[in-house]
PDB file of N, CA and C in Angstrom:
ATOM      1  N   MET A   1     -51.549 -73.532   4.921  1.00  0.00           N
ATOM      2  CA  MET A   1     -50.200 -73.762   5.408  1.00  0.00           C
ATOM      3  C   MET A   1     -49.287 -72.711   4.770  1.00  0.00           C
ATOM      4  N   ALA A   2     -48.753 -71.842   5.591  1.00  0.00           N
ATOM      5  CA  ALA A   2     -47.876 -70.770   5.108  1.00  0.00           C
ATOM      6  C   ALA A   2     -46.448 -71.291   4.954  1.00  0.00           C
ATOM      7  N   VAL A   3     -45.855 -70.965   3.834  1.00  0.00           N
ATOM      8  CA  VAL A   3     -44.471 -71.373   3.573  1.00  0.00           C
ATOM      9  C   VAL A   3     -43.553 -70.316   4.184  1.00  0.00           C
ATOM     10  N   PRO A   4     -42.564 -70.738   4.991  1.00  0.00           N
ATOM     11  CA  PRO A   4     -41.648 -69.777   5.630  1.00  0.00           C
ATOM     12  C   PRO A   4     -40.916 -68.892   4.617  1.00  0.00           C
ATOM     13  N   ALA A   5     -40.565 -67.698   5.064  1.00  0.00           N
ATOM     14  CA  ALA A   5     -39.931 -66.694   4.198  1.00  0.00           C
ATOM     15  C   ALA A   5     -38.638 -67.209   3.562  1.00  0.00           C
ATOM     16  N   LEU A   6     -37.831 -67.934   4.318  1.00  0.00           N
ATOM     17  CA  LEU A   6     -36.567 -68.442   3.777  1.00  0.00           C
ATOM     18  C   LEU A   6     -36.826 -69.420   2.630  1.00  0.00           C
ATOM     19  N   VAL A   7     -37.827 -70.260   2.786  1.00  0.00           N
ATOM     20  CA  VAL A   7     -38.172 -71.212   1.724  1.00  0.00           C
ATOM     21  C   VAL A   7     -38.665 -70.445   0.496  1.00  0.00           C
ATOM     22  N   GLN A   8     -39.506 -69.443   0.708  1.00  0.00           N
ATOM     23  CA  GLN A   8     -40.006 -68.626  -0.404  1.00  0.00           C
ATOM     24  C   GLN A   8     -38.861 -67.933  -1.139  1.00  0.00           C
ATOM     25  N   LYS A   9     -37.921 -67.411  -0.367  1.00  0.00           N
ATOM     26  CA  LYS A   9     -36.770 -66.715  -0.952  1.00  0.00           C
ATOM     27  C   LYS A   9     -35.930 -67.690  -1.788  1.00  0.00           C
ATOM     28  N   PHE A  10     -35.746 -68.896  -1.267  1.00  0.00           N
ATOM     29  CA  PHE A  10     -34.953 -69.891  -1.984  1.00  0.00           C
ATOM     30  C   PHE A  10     -35.676 -70.349  -3.254  1.00  0.00           C
ATOM     31  N   VAL A  11     -36.985 -70.520  -3.171  1.00  0.00           N
ATOM     32  CA  VAL A  11     -37.769 -70.898  -4.351  1.00  0.00           C
ATOM     33  C   VAL A  11     -37.676 -69.802  -5.416  1.00  0.00           C
ATOM     34  N   ALA A  12     -37.650 -68.543  -4.992  1.00  0.00           N
ATOM     35  CA  ALA A  12     -37.510 -67.429  -5.942  1.00  0.00           C
ATOM     36  C   ALA A  12     -36.176 -67.516  -6.684  1.00  0.00           C
ATOM     37  N   VAL A  13     -35.116 -67.901  -5.975  1.00  0.00           N
ATOM     38  CA  VAL A  13     -33.805 -68.057  -6.626  1.00  0.00           C
ATOM     39  C   VAL A  13     -33.847 -69.249  -7.584  1.00  0.00           C
ATOM     40  N   TYR A  14     -34.546 -70.305  -7.187  1.00  0.00           N
ATOM     41  CA  TYR A  14     -34.697 -71.466  -8.070  1.00  0.00           C
ATOM     42  C   TYR A  14     -35.412 -71.076  -9.365  1.00  0.00           C
ATOM     43  N   LYS A  15     -36.437 -70.251  -9.252  1.00  0.00           N
ATOM     44  CA  LYS A  15     -37.155 -69.784 -10.448  1.00  0.00           C
ATOM     45  C   LYS A  15     -36.228 -68.973 -11.357  1.00  0.00           C
ATOM     46  N   LEU A  16     -35.388 -68.150 -10.747  1.00  0.00           N
ATOM     47  CA  LEU A  16     -34.409 -67.384 -11.519  1.00  0.00           C
ATOM     48  C   LEU A  16     -33.446 -68.334 -12.230  1.00  0.00           C
ATOM     49  N   TRP A  17     -32.983 -69.351 -11.512  1.00  0.00           N
ATOM     50  CA  TRP A  17     -32.095 -70.348 -12.100  1.00  0.00           C
ATOM     51  C   TRP A  17     -32.761 -71.018 -13.302  1.00  0.00           C
ATOM     52  N   GLN A  18     -34.054 -71.311 -13.201  1.00  0.00           N
ATOM     53  CA  GLN A  18     -34.762 -71.948 -14.310  1.00  0.00           C
ATOM     54  C   GLN A  18     -34.703 -71.086 -15.575  1.00  0.00           C
ATOM     55  N   GLU A  19     -34.791 -69.777 -15.399  1.00  0.00           N
ATOM     56  CA  GLU A  19     -34.652 -68.871 -16.548  1.00  0.00           C
ATOM     57  C   GLU A  19     -33.238 -68.942 -17.125  1.00  0.00           C
ATOM     58  N   TYR A  20     -32.245 -68.971 -16.239  1.00  0.00           N
ATOM     59  CA  TYR A  20     -30.850 -68.997 -16.679  1.00  0.00           C
ATOM     60  C   TYR A  20     -30.484 -70.337 -17.307  1.00  0.00           C
ATOM     61  N   ARG A  21     -31.060 -71.412 -16.792  1.00  0.00           N
ATOM     62  CA  ARG A  21     -30.705 -72.745 -17.272  1.00  0.00           C
ATOM     63  C   ARG A  21     -31.027 -72.907 -18.757  1.00  0.00           C
ATOM     64  N   ASP A  22     -32.074 -72.247 -19.201  1.00  0.00           N
ATOM     65  CA  ASP A  22     -32.440 -72.321 -20.621  1.00  0.00           C
ATOM     66  C   ASP A  22     -31.343 -71.769 -21.528  1.00  0.00           C
ATOM     67  N   HIS A  23     -30.491 -70.913 -20.988  1.00  0.00           N
ATOM     68  CA  HIS A  23     -29.409 -70.304 -21.771  1.00  0.00           C
ATOM     69  C   HIS A  23     -28.055 -70.967 -21.509  1.00  0.00           C
ATOM     70  N   PHE A  24     -28.059 -72.008 -20.681  1.00  0.00           N
ATOM     71  CA  PHE A  24     -26.846 -72.763 -20.400  1.00  0.00           C
ATOM     72  C   PHE A  24     -26.403 -73.457 -21.688  1.00  0.00           C
ATOM     73  N   PRO A  25     -25.094 -73.542 -21.942  1.00  0.00           N
ATOM     74  CA  PRO A  25     -24.631 -74.261 -23.135  1.00  0.00           C
ATOM     75  C   PRO A  25     -25.120 -75.717 -23.096  1.00  0.00           C
ATOM     76  N   LYS A  26     -25.484 -76.225 -24.234  1.00  0.00           N
ATOM     77  CA  LYS A  26     -26.043 -77.574 -24.322  1.00  0.00           C
ATOM     78  C   LYS A  26     -25.117 -78.625 -23.704  1.00  0.00           C
ATOM     79  N   LYS A  27     -23.803 -78.460 -23.906  1.00  0.00           N
ATOM     80  CA  LYS A  27     -22.858 -79.462 -23.396  1.00  0.00           C
ATOM     81  C   LYS A  27     -22.824 -79.510 -21.869  1.00  0.00           C
ATOM     82  N   SER A  28     -23.287 -78.458 -21.191  1.00  0.00           N
ATOM     83  CA  SER A  28     -23.282 -78.418 -19.721  1.00  0.00           C
ATOM     84  C   SER A  28     -24.681 -78.462 -19.115  1.00  0.00           C
ATOM     85  N   ARG A  29     -25.688 -78.301 -19.938  1.00  0.00           N
ATOM     86  CA  ARG A  29     -27.056 -78.155 -19.427  1.00  0.00           C
ATOM     87  C   ARG A  29     -27.525 -79.374 -18.638  1.00  0.00           C
ATOM     88  N   PHE A  30     -27.193 -80.565 -19.099  1.00  0.00           N
ATOM     89  CA  PHE A  30     -27.717 -81.764 -18.457  1.00  0.00           C
ATOM     90  C   PHE A  30     -26.739 -82.388 -17.467  1.00  0.00           C
ATOM     91  N   SER A  31     -25.493 -81.987 -17.500  1.00  0.00           N
ATOM     92  CA  SER A  31     -24.527 -82.496 -16.519  1.00  0.00           C
ATOM     93  C   SER A  31     -24.459 -81.524 -15.347  1.00  0.00           C
ATOM     94  N   LEU A  32     -23.748 -80.447 -15.527  1.00  0.00           N
ATOM     95  CA  LEU A  32     -23.604 -79.448 -14.465  1.00  0.00           C
ATOM     96  C   LEU A  32     -24.945 -78.783 -14.149  1.00  0.00           C
ATOM     97  N   GLY A  33     -25.696 -78.446 -15.181  1.00  0.00           N
ATOM     98  CA  GLY A  33     -27.006 -77.829 -14.976  1.00  0.00           C
ATOM     99  C   GLY A  33     -27.956 -78.751 -14.234  1.00  0.00           C
ATOM    100  N   GLY A  34     -27.913 -80.035 -14.569  1.00  0.00           N
ATOM    101  CA  GLY A  34     -28.754 -81.018 -13.885  1.00  0.00           C
ATOM    102  C   GLY A  34     -28.375 -81.174 -12.428  1.00  0.00           C
ATOM    103  N   LYS A  35     -27.082 -81.155 -12.143  1.00  0.00           N
ATOM    104  CA  LYS A  35     -26.611 -81.268 -10.756  1.00  0.00           C
ATOM    105  C   LYS A  35     -27.051 -80.053  -9.954  1.00  0.00           C
ATOM    106  N   ILE A  36     -26.930 -78.871 -10.537  1.00  0.00           N
ATOM    107  CA  ILE A  36     -27.370 -77.644  -9.868  1.00  0.00           C
ATOM    108  C   ILE A  36     -28.867 -77.728  -9.589  1.00  0.00           C
ATOM    109  N   ASP A  37     -29.626 -78.183 -10.566  1.00  0.00           N
ATOM    110  CA  ASP A  37     -31.073 -78.323 -10.411  1.00  0.00           C
ATOM    111  C   ASP A  37     -31.405 -79.278  -9.261  1.00  0.00           C
ATOM    112  N   SER A  38     -30.717 -80.408  -9.205  1.00  0.00           N
ATOM    113  CA  SER A  38     -30.947 -81.390  -8.136  1.00  0.00           C
ATOM    114  C   SER A  38     -30.642 -80.808  -6.764  1.00  0.00           C
ATOM    115  N   LEU A  39     -29.554 -80.061  -6.671  1.00  0.00           N
ATOM    116  CA  LEU A  39     -29.200 -79.445  -5.391  1.00  0.00           C
ATOM    117  C   LEU A  39     -30.266 -78.453  -4.946  1.00  0.00           C
ATOM    118  N   PHE A  40     -30.780 -77.668  -5.868  1.00  0.00           N
ATOM    119  CA  PHE A  40     -31.853 -76.740  -5.529  1.00  0.00           C
ATOM    120  C   PHE A  40     -33.038 -77.493  -4.926  1.00  0.00           C
ATOM    121  N   ILE A  41     -33.465 -78.562  -5.592  1.00  0.00           N
ATOM    122  CA  ILE A  41     -34.627 -79.333  -5.135  1.00  0.00           C
ATOM    123  C   ILE A  41     -34.364 -79.941  -3.760  1.00  0.00           C
ATOM    124  N   GLU A  42     -33.174 -80.495  -3.553  1.00  0.00           N
ATOM    125  CA  GLU A  42     -32.827 -81.092  -2.262  1.00  0.00           C
ATOM    126  C   GLU A  42     -32.853 -80.048  -1.150  1.00  0.00           C
ATOM    127  N   ILE A  43     -32.309 -78.872  -1.413  1.00  0.00           N
ATOM    128  CA  ILE A  43     -32.270 -77.816  -0.395  1.00  0.00           C
ATOM    129  C   ILE A  43     -33.679 -77.319  -0.091  1.00  0.00           C
ATOM    130  N   ILE A  44     -34.496 -77.146  -1.109  1.00  0.00           N
ATOM    131  CA  ILE A  44     -35.884 -76.725  -0.877  1.00  0.00           C
ATOM    132  C   ILE A  44     -36.583 -77.738   0.025  1.00  0.00           C
ATOM    133  N   GLU A  45     -36.387 -79.014  -0.254  1.00  0.00           N
ATOM    134  CA  GLU A  45     -37.008 -80.061   0.564  1.00  0.00           C
ATOM    135  C   GLU A  45     -36.509 -80.003   2.007  1.00  0.00           C
ATOM    136  N   LEU A  46     -35.206 -79.879   2.189  1.00  0.00           N
ATOM    137  CA  LEU A  46     -34.640 -79.823   3.543  1.00  0.00           C
ATOM    138  C   LEU A  46     -35.176 -78.626   4.326  1.00  0.00           C
ATOM    139  N   LEU A  47     -35.224 -77.460   3.694  1.00  0.00           N
ATOM    140  CA  LEU A  47     -35.712 -76.256   4.369  1.00  0.00           C
ATOM    141  C   LEU A  47     -37.193 -76.368   4.700  1.00  0.00           C
ATOM    142  N   PHE A  48     -37.959 -76.908   3.773  1.00  0.00           N
ATOM    143  CA  PHE A  48     -39.395 -77.050   3.993  1.00  0.00           C
ATOM    144  C   PHE A  48     -39.670 -78.001   5.155  1.00  0.00           C
ATOM    145  N   VAL A  49     -39.014 -79.156   5.153  1.00  0.00           N
ATOM    146  CA  VAL A  49     -39.206 -80.130   6.234  1.00  0.00           C
ATOM    147  C   VAL A  49     -38.752 -79.531   7.558  1.00  0.00           C
ATOM    148  N   ALA A  50     -37.596 -78.890   7.577  1.00  0.00           N
ATOM    149  CA  ALA A  50     -37.067 -78.302   8.814  1.00  0.00           C
ATOM    150  C   ALA A  50     -38.016 -77.266   9.392  1.00  0.00           C
ATOM    151  N   SER A  51     -38.690 -76.542   8.539  1.00  0.00           N
ATOM    152  CA  SER A  51     -39.559 -75.464   9.023  1.00  0.00           C
ATOM    153  C   SER A  51     -40.745 -75.982   9.826  1.00  0.00           C
ATOM    154  N   TYR A  52     -41.059 -77.261   9.719  1.00  0.00           N
ATOM    155  CA  TYR A  52     -42.199 -77.820  10.440  1.00  0.00           C
ATOM    156  C   TYR A  52     -41.799 -78.774  11.558  1.00  0.00           C
ATOM    157  N   LEU A  53     -40.520 -78.832  11.872  1.00  0.00           N
ATOM    158  CA  LEU A  53     -40.042 -79.697  12.947  1.00  0.00           C
ATOM    159  C   LEU A  53     -39.809 -78.892  14.221  1.00  0.00           C
ATOM    160  N   GLY A  54     -39.652 -79.613  15.341  1.00  0.00           N
ATOM    161  CA  GLY A  54     -39.292 -78.973  16.600  1.00  0.00           C
ATOM    162  C   GLY A  54     -37.869 -78.445  16.530  1.00  0.00           C
ATOM    163  N   LYS A  55     -37.538 -77.542  17.451  1.00  0.00           N
ATOM    164  CA  LYS A  55     -36.239 -76.849  17.404  1.00  0.00           C
ATOM    165  C   LYS A  55     -35.045 -77.786  17.260  1.00  0.00           C
ATOM    166  N   GLN A  56     -34.941 -78.786  18.107  1.00  0.00           N
ATOM    167  CA  GLN A  56     -33.771 -79.663  18.049  1.00  0.00           C
ATOM    168  C   GLN A  56     -33.816 -80.608  16.853  1.00  0.00           C
ATOM    169  N   GLU A  57     -35.003 -80.939  16.389  1.00  0.00           N
ATOM    170  CA  GLU A  57     -35.116 -81.809  15.217  1.00  0.00           C
ATOM    171  C   GLU A  57     -34.709 -81.078  13.938  1.00  0.00           C
ATOM    172  N   LYS A  58     -34.820 -79.750  13.940  1.00  0.00           N
ATOM    173  CA  LYS A  58     -34.486 -78.940  12.761  1.00  0.00           C
ATOM    174  C   LYS A  58     -32.998 -78.969  12.438  1.00  0.00           C
ATOM    175  N   LEU A  59     -32.186 -78.984  13.480  1.00  0.00           N
ATOM    176  CA  LEU A  59     -30.751 -78.761  13.331  1.00  0.00           C
ATOM    177  C   LEU A  59     -30.085 -79.643  12.272  1.00  0.00           C
ATOM    178  N   PRO A  60     -30.277 -80.978  12.283  1.00  0.00           N
ATOM    179  CA  PRO A  60     -29.613 -81.791  11.248  1.00  0.00           C
ATOM    180  C   PRO A  60     -30.045 -81.420   9.825  1.00  0.00           C
ATOM    181  N   TYR A  61     -31.309 -81.073   9.659  1.00  0.00           N
ATOM    182  CA  TYR A  61     -31.804 -80.686   8.335  1.00  0.00           C
ATOM    183  C   TYR A  61     -31.159 -79.375   7.881  1.00  0.00           C
ATOM    184  N   LEU A  62     -31.074 -78.429   8.791  1.00  0.00           N
ATOM    185  CA  LEU A  62     -30.491 -77.127   8.450  1.00  0.00           C
ATOM    186  C   LEU A  62     -28.997 -77.248   8.174  1.00  0.00           C
ATOM    187  N   GLN A  63     -28.312 -78.074   8.964  1.00  0.00           N
ATOM    188  CA  GLN A  63     -26.877 -78.267   8.742  1.00  0.00           C
ATOM    189  C   GLN A  63     -26.618 -78.930   7.386  1.00  0.00           C
ATOM    190  N   LYS A  64     -27.464 -79.887   7.035  1.00  0.00           N
ATOM    191  CA  LYS A  64     -27.317 -80.534   5.727  1.00  0.00           C
ATOM    192  C   LYS A  64     -27.631 -79.540   4.610  1.00  0.00           C
ATOM    193  N   ALA A  65     -28.645 -78.706   4.821  1.00  0.00           N
ATOM    194  CA  ALA A  65     -29.016 -77.702   3.814  1.00  0.00           C
ATOM    195  C   ALA A  65     -27.880 -76.714   3.585  1.00  0.00           C
ATOM    196  N   ILE A  66     -27.212 -76.291   4.647  1.00  0.00           N
ATOM    197  CA  ILE A  66     -26.134 -75.311   4.486  1.00  0.00           C
ATOM    198  C   ILE A  66     -24.932 -75.945   3.778  1.00  0.00           C
ATOM    199  N   ARG A  67     -24.683 -77.227   4.036  1.00  0.00           N
ATOM    200  CA  ARG A  67     -23.593 -77.915   3.311  1.00  0.00           C
ATOM    201  C   ARG A  67     -23.919 -78.012   1.820  1.00  0.00           C
ATOM    202  N   LYS A  68     -25.154 -78.361   1.518  1.00  0.00           N
ATOM    203  CA  LYS A  68     -25.563 -78.461   0.115  1.00  0.00           C
ATOM    204  C   LYS A  68     -25.572 -77.087  -0.553  1.00  0.00           C
ATOM    205  N   LEU A  69     -25.911 -76.052   0.207  1.00  0.00           N
ATOM    206  CA  LEU A  69     -25.877 -74.693  -0.325  1.00  0.00           C
ATOM    207  C   LEU A  69     -24.446 -74.315  -0.700  1.00  0.00           C
ATOM    208  N   ASP A  70     -23.476 -74.703   0.125  1.00  0.00           N
ATOM    209  CA  ASP A  70     -22.070 -74.435  -0.195  1.00  0.00           C
ATOM    210  C   ASP A  70     -21.652 -75.148  -1.486  1.00  0.00           C
ATOM    211  N   VAL A  71     -22.106 -76.383  -1.654  1.00  0.00           N
ATOM    212  CA  VAL A  71     -21.804 -77.125  -2.883  1.00  0.00           C
ATOM    213  C   VAL A  71     -22.469 -76.444  -4.080  1.00  0.00           C
ATOM    214  N   LEU A  72     -23.706 -76.003  -3.891  1.00  0.00           N
ATOM    215  CA  LEU A  72     -24.428 -75.302  -4.956  1.00  0.00           C
ATOM    216  C   LEU A  72     -23.674 -74.044  -5.383  1.00  0.00           C
ATOM    217  N   LYS A  73     -23.206 -73.269  -4.406  1.00  0.00           N
ATOM    218  CA  LYS A  73     -22.451 -72.050  -4.729  1.00  0.00           C
ATOM    219  C   LYS A  73     -21.164 -72.395  -5.479  1.00  0.00           C
ATOM    220  N   PHE A  74     -20.525 -73.494  -5.090  1.00  0.00           N
ATOM    221  CA  PHE A  74     -19.310 -73.930  -5.778  1.00  0.00           C
ATOM    222  C   PHE A  74     -19.612 -74.280  -7.242  1.00  0.00           C
ATOM    223  N   PHE A  75     -20.700 -75.001  -7.477  1.00  0.00           N
ATOM    224  CA  PHE A  75     -21.057 -75.364  -8.854  1.00  0.00           C
ATOM    225  C   PHE A  75     -21.419 -74.139  -9.686  1.00  0.00           C
ATOM    226  N   PHE A  76     -22.002 -73.130  -9.055  1.00  0.00           N
ATOM    227  CA  PHE A  76     -22.250 -71.892  -9.795  1.00  0.00           C
ATOM    228  C   PHE A  76     -20.933 -71.209 -10.151  1.00  0.00           C
ATOM    229  N   GLN A  77     -19.965 -71.279  -9.247  1.00  0.00           N
ATOM    230  CA  GLN A  77     -18.650 -70.701  -9.544  1.00  0.00           C
ATOM    231  C   GLN A  77     -18.015 -71.433 -10.728  1.00  0.00           C
ATOM    232  N   VAL A  78     -18.106 -72.753 -10.715  1.00  0.00           N
ATOM    233  CA  VAL A  78     -17.574 -73.537 -11.833  1.00  0.00           C
ATOM    234  C   VAL A  78     -18.290 -73.153 -13.130  1.00  0.00           C
ATOM    235  N   SER A  79     -19.601 -72.986 -13.063  1.00  0.00           N
ATOM    236  CA  SER A  79     -20.380 -72.585 -14.248  1.00  0.00           C
ATOM    237  C   SER A  79     -19.897 -71.257 -14.804  1.00  0.00           C
ATOM    238  N   TRP A  80     -19.599 -70.348 -13.906  1.00  0.00           N
ATOM    239  CA  TRP A  80     -19.091 -69.039 -14.317  1.00  0.00           C
ATOM    240  C   TRP A  80     -17.692 -69.174 -14.925  1.00  0.00           C
ATOM    241  N   GLU A  81     -16.842 -70.001 -14.291  1.00  0.00           N
ATOM    242  CA  GLU A  81     -15.470 -70.174 -14.770  1.00  0.00           C
ATOM    243  C   GLU A  81     -15.420 -70.795 -16.165  1.00  0.00           C
ATOM    244  N   ILE A  82     -16.345 -71.687 -16.467  1.00  0.00           N
ATOM    245  CA  ILE A  82     -16.347 -72.305 -17.801  1.00  0.00           C
ATOM    246  C   ILE A  82     -17.218 -71.508 -18.781  1.00  0.00           C
ATOM    247  N   LYS A  83     -17.660 -70.354 -18.322  1.00  0.00           N
ATOM    248  CA  LYS A  83     -18.433 -69.413 -19.144  1.00  0.00           C
ATOM    249  C   LYS A  83     -19.821 -69.939 -19.538  1.00  0.00           C
ATOM    250  N   ALA A  84     -20.361 -70.843 -18.715  1.00  0.00           N
ATOM    251  CA  ALA A  84     -21.736 -71.298 -18.924  1.00  0.00           C
ATOM    252  C   ALA A  84     -22.707 -70.240 -18.407  1.00  0.00           C
ATOM    253  N   LEU A  85     -22.234 -69.420 -17.468  1.00  0.00           N
ATOM    254  CA  LEU A  85     -22.997 -68.283 -16.936  1.00  0.00           C
ATOM    255  C   LEU A  85     -22.178 -67.026 -17.152  1.00  0.00           C
ATOM    256  N   ASP A  86     -22.819 -65.965 -17.602  1.00  0.00           N
ATOM    257  CA  ASP A  86     -22.087 -64.703 -17.741  1.00  0.00           C
ATOM    258  C   ASP A  86     -21.974 -64.008 -16.378  1.00  0.00           C
ATOM    259  N   ASN A  87     -21.172 -62.958 -16.325  1.00  0.00           N
ATOM    260  CA  ASN A  87     -20.913 -62.255 -15.063  1.00  0.00           C
ATOM    261  C   ASN A  87     -22.188 -61.778 -14.388  1.00  0.00           C
ATOM    262  N   LYS A  88     -23.066 -61.169 -15.156  1.00  0.00           N
ATOM    263  CA  LYS A  88     -24.294 -60.592 -14.595  1.00  0.00           C
ATOM    264  C   LYS A  88     -25.166 -61.669 -13.942  1.00  0.00           C
ATOM    265  N   LYS A  89     -25.341 -62.788 -14.614  1.00  0.00           N
ATOM    266  CA  LYS A  89     -26.163 -63.880 -14.073  1.00  0.00           C
ATOM    267  C   LYS A  89     -25.499 -64.507 -12.854  1.00  0.00           C
ATOM    268  N   TYR A  90     -24.185 -64.690 -12.927  1.00  0.00           N
ATOM    269  CA  TYR A  90     -23.454 -65.270 -11.798  1.00  0.00           C
ATOM    270  C   TYR A  90     -23.571 -64.377 -10.567  1.00  0.00           C
ATOM    271  N   ILE A  91     -23.384 -63.087 -10.742  1.00  0.00           N
ATOM    272  CA  ILE A  91     -23.482 -62.149  -9.619  1.00  0.00           C
ATOM    273  C   ILE A  91     -24.895 -62.149  -9.055  1.00  0.00           C
ATOM    274  N   SER A  92     -25.876 -62.137  -9.917  1.00  0.00           N
ATOM    275  CA  SER A  92     -27.274 -62.120  -9.484  1.00  0.00           C
ATOM    276  C   SER A  92     -27.609 -63.335  -8.616  1.00  0.00           C
ATOM    277  N   ILE A  93     -27.238 -64.502  -9.078  1.00  0.00           N
ATOM    278  CA  ILE A  93     -27.504 -65.734  -8.316  1.00  0.00           C
ATOM    279  C   ILE A  93     -26.660 -65.768  -7.047  1.00  0.00           C
ATOM    280  N   SER A  94     -25.377 -65.442  -7.154  1.00  0.00           N
ATOM    281  CA  SER A  94     -24.466 -65.521  -6.006  1.00  0.00           C
ATOM    282  C   SER A  94     -24.888 -64.614  -4.865  1.00  0.00           C
ATOM    283  N   GLU A  95     -25.287 -63.396  -5.185  1.00  0.00           N
ATOM    284  CA  GLU A  95     -25.708 -62.471  -4.132  1.00  0.00           C
ATOM    285  C   GLU A  95     -26.916 -63.019  -3.383  1.00  0.00           C
ATOM    286  N   ARG A  96     -27.857 -63.569  -4.110  1.00  0.00           N
ATOM    287  CA  ARG A  96     -29.055 -64.131  -3.476  1.00  0.00           C
ATOM    288  C   ARG A  96     -28.715 -65.356  -2.628  1.00  0.00           C
ATOM    289  N   LEU A  97     -27.854 -66.223  -3.154  1.00  0.00           N
ATOM    290  CA  LEU A  97     -27.473 -67.414  -2.397  1.00  0.00           C
ATOM    291  C   LEU A  97     -26.671 -67.050  -1.153  1.00  0.00           C
ATOM    292  N   ASN A  98     -25.824 -66.026  -1.249  1.00  0.00           N
ATOM    293  CA  ASN A  98     -25.070 -65.583  -0.075  1.00  0.00           C
ATOM    294  C   ASN A  98     -25.999 -65.050   1.006  1.00  0.00           C
ATOM    295  N   GLU A  99     -27.012 -64.296   0.602  1.00  0.00           N
ATOM    296  CA  GLU A  99     -27.987 -63.780   1.567  1.00  0.00           C
ATOM    297  C   GLU A  99     -28.737 -64.928   2.245  1.00  0.00           C
ATOM    298  N   ILE A 100     -29.135 -65.911   1.467  1.00  0.00           N
ATOM    299  CA  ILE A 100     -29.827 -67.074   2.023  1.00  0.00           C
ATOM    300  C   ILE A 100     -28.900 -67.829   2.969  1.00  0.00           C
ATOM    301  N   GLY A 101     -27.629 -67.937   2.619  1.00  0.00           N
ATOM    302  CA  GLY A 101     -26.654 -68.587   3.495  1.00  0.00           C
ATOM    303  C   GLY A 101     -26.535 -67.879   4.831  1.00  0.00           C
ATOM    304  N   ARG A 102     -26.534 -66.546   4.808  1.00  0.00           N
ATOM    305  CA  ARG A 102     -26.477 -65.785   6.068  1.00  0.00           C
ATOM    306  C   ARG A 102     -27.738 -66.017   6.897  1.00  0.00           C
ATOM    307  N   MET A 103     -28.880 -66.027   6.242  1.00  0.00           N
ATOM    308  CA  MET A 103     -30.140 -66.269   6.948  1.00  0.00           C
ATOM    309  C   MET A 103     -30.166 -67.675   7.554  1.00  0.00           C
ATOM    310  N   LEU A 104     -29.704 -68.633   6.791  1.00  0.00           N
ATOM    311  CA  LEU A 104     -29.666 -70.016   7.255  1.00  0.00           C
ATOM    312  C   LEU A 104     -28.700 -70.171   8.423  1.00  0.00           C
ATOM    313  N   GLY A 105     -27.541 -69.535   8.323  1.00  0.00           N
ATOM    314  CA  GLY A 105     -26.581 -69.554   9.431  1.00  0.00           C
ATOM    315  C   GLY A 105     -27.164 -68.927  10.685  1.00  0.00           C
ATOM    316  N   GLY A 106     -27.907 -67.843  10.527  1.00  0.00           N
ATOM    317  CA  GLY A 106     -28.563 -67.202  11.664  1.00  0.00           C
ATOM    318  C   GLY A 106     -29.607 -68.102  12.292  1.00  0.00           C
ATOM    319  N   TRP A 107     -30.338 -68.823  11.475  1.00  0.00           N
ATOM    320  CA  TRP A 107     -31.351 -69.755  11.971  1.00  0.00           C
ATOM    321  C   TRP A 107     -30.677 -70.855  12.792  1.00  0.00           C
ATOM    322  N   ILE A 108     -29.570 -71.377  12.288  1.00  0.00           N
ATOM    323  CA  ILE A 108     -28.830 -72.424  13.002  1.00  0.00           C
ATOM    324  C   ILE A 108     -28.283 -71.885  14.317  1.00  0.00           C
ATOM    325  N   ARG A 109     -27.668 -70.698  14.285  1.00  0.00           N
ATOM    326  CA  ARG A 109     -27.132 -70.108  15.525  1.00  0.00           C
ATOM    327  C   ARG A 109     -28.242 -69.861  16.542  1.00  0.00           C
ATOM    328  N   GLY A 110     -29.392 -69.421  16.065  1.00  0.00           N
ATOM    329  CA  GLY A 110     -30.524 -69.184  16.957  1.00  0.00           C
ATOM    330  C   GLY A 110     -30.957 -70.453  17.664  1.00  0.00           C
ATOM    331  N   ILE A 111     -30.972 -71.553  16.958  1.00  0.00           N
ATOM    332  CA  ILE A 111     -31.348 -72.837  17.561  1.00  0.00           C
ATOM    333  C   ILE A 111     -30.276 -73.295  18.535  1.00  0.00           C
ATOM    334  N   GLN A 112     -29.014 -73.147  18.158  1.00  0.00           N
ATOM    335  CA  GLN A 112     -27.918 -73.605  19.015  1.00  0.00           C
ATOM    336  C   GLN A 112     -27.813 -72.794  20.298  1.00  0.00           C
ATOM    337  N   THR A 113     -28.076 -71.498  20.240  1.00  0.00           N
ATOM    338  CA  THR A 113     -27.967 -70.683  21.454  1.00  0.00           C
ATOM    339  C   THR A 113     -29.158 -70.884  22.376  1.00  0.00           C
ATOM    340  N   LYS A 114     -30.287 -71.323  21.835  1.00  0.00           N
ATOM    341  CA  LYS A 114     -31.469 -71.569  22.660  1.00  0.00           C
ATOM    342  C   LYS A 114     -31.539 -73.001  23.155  1.00  0.00           C
ATOM    343  N   ALA A 115     -30.588 -73.827  22.735  1.00  0.00           N
ATOM    344  CA  ALA A 115     -30.590 -75.235  23.131  1.00  0.00           C
ATOM    345  C   ALA A 115     -30.266 -75.354  24.617  1.00  0.00           C
ATOM    346  N   PRO A 116     -30.941 -76.265  25.305  1.00  0.00           N
ATOM    347  CA  PRO A 116     -30.656 -76.449  26.730  1.00  0.00           C
ATOM    348  C   PRO A 116     -29.257 -77.029  26.939  1.00  0.00           C
ATOM    349  N   ALA A 117     -28.612 -76.613  28.017  1.00  0.00           N
ATOM    350  CA  ALA A 117     -27.273 -77.118  28.339  1.00  0.00           C
ATOM    351  C   ALA A 117     -27.384 -78.572  28.761  1.00  0.00           C
ATOM    352  N   ARG A 118     -26.401 -79.366  28.362  1.00  0.00           N
ATOM    353  CA  ARG A 118     -26.418 -80.799  28.724  1.00  0.00           C
ATOM    354  C   ARG A 118     -25.467 -81.080  29.834  1.00  0.00           C
TER     355      ARG A 118
END
């Protein structure tokens, strides 16, 4: 069973986050860091499940994934603002998440434009 490229790309960002999380300040590691970790896992699950569904069944999963991705990006911004992440780490994660967001948006648009007219 081959894992889709978008899921692989997202898992790669999660692995990067795992490296960064070890350097998160202790006071934020289990609150904000834990929430970020949970969002990563939820998004990976949504993308993985969506990748094996029919076109119209995918849409709710992808829409939920993109909403959670937006929340994840917001929490990374908060992490940067409270100096739990330095500039270099924040930029590294943000650029990757933005690229994944564009890919996810393209996947959603592709499904919506191919949907039969009602």
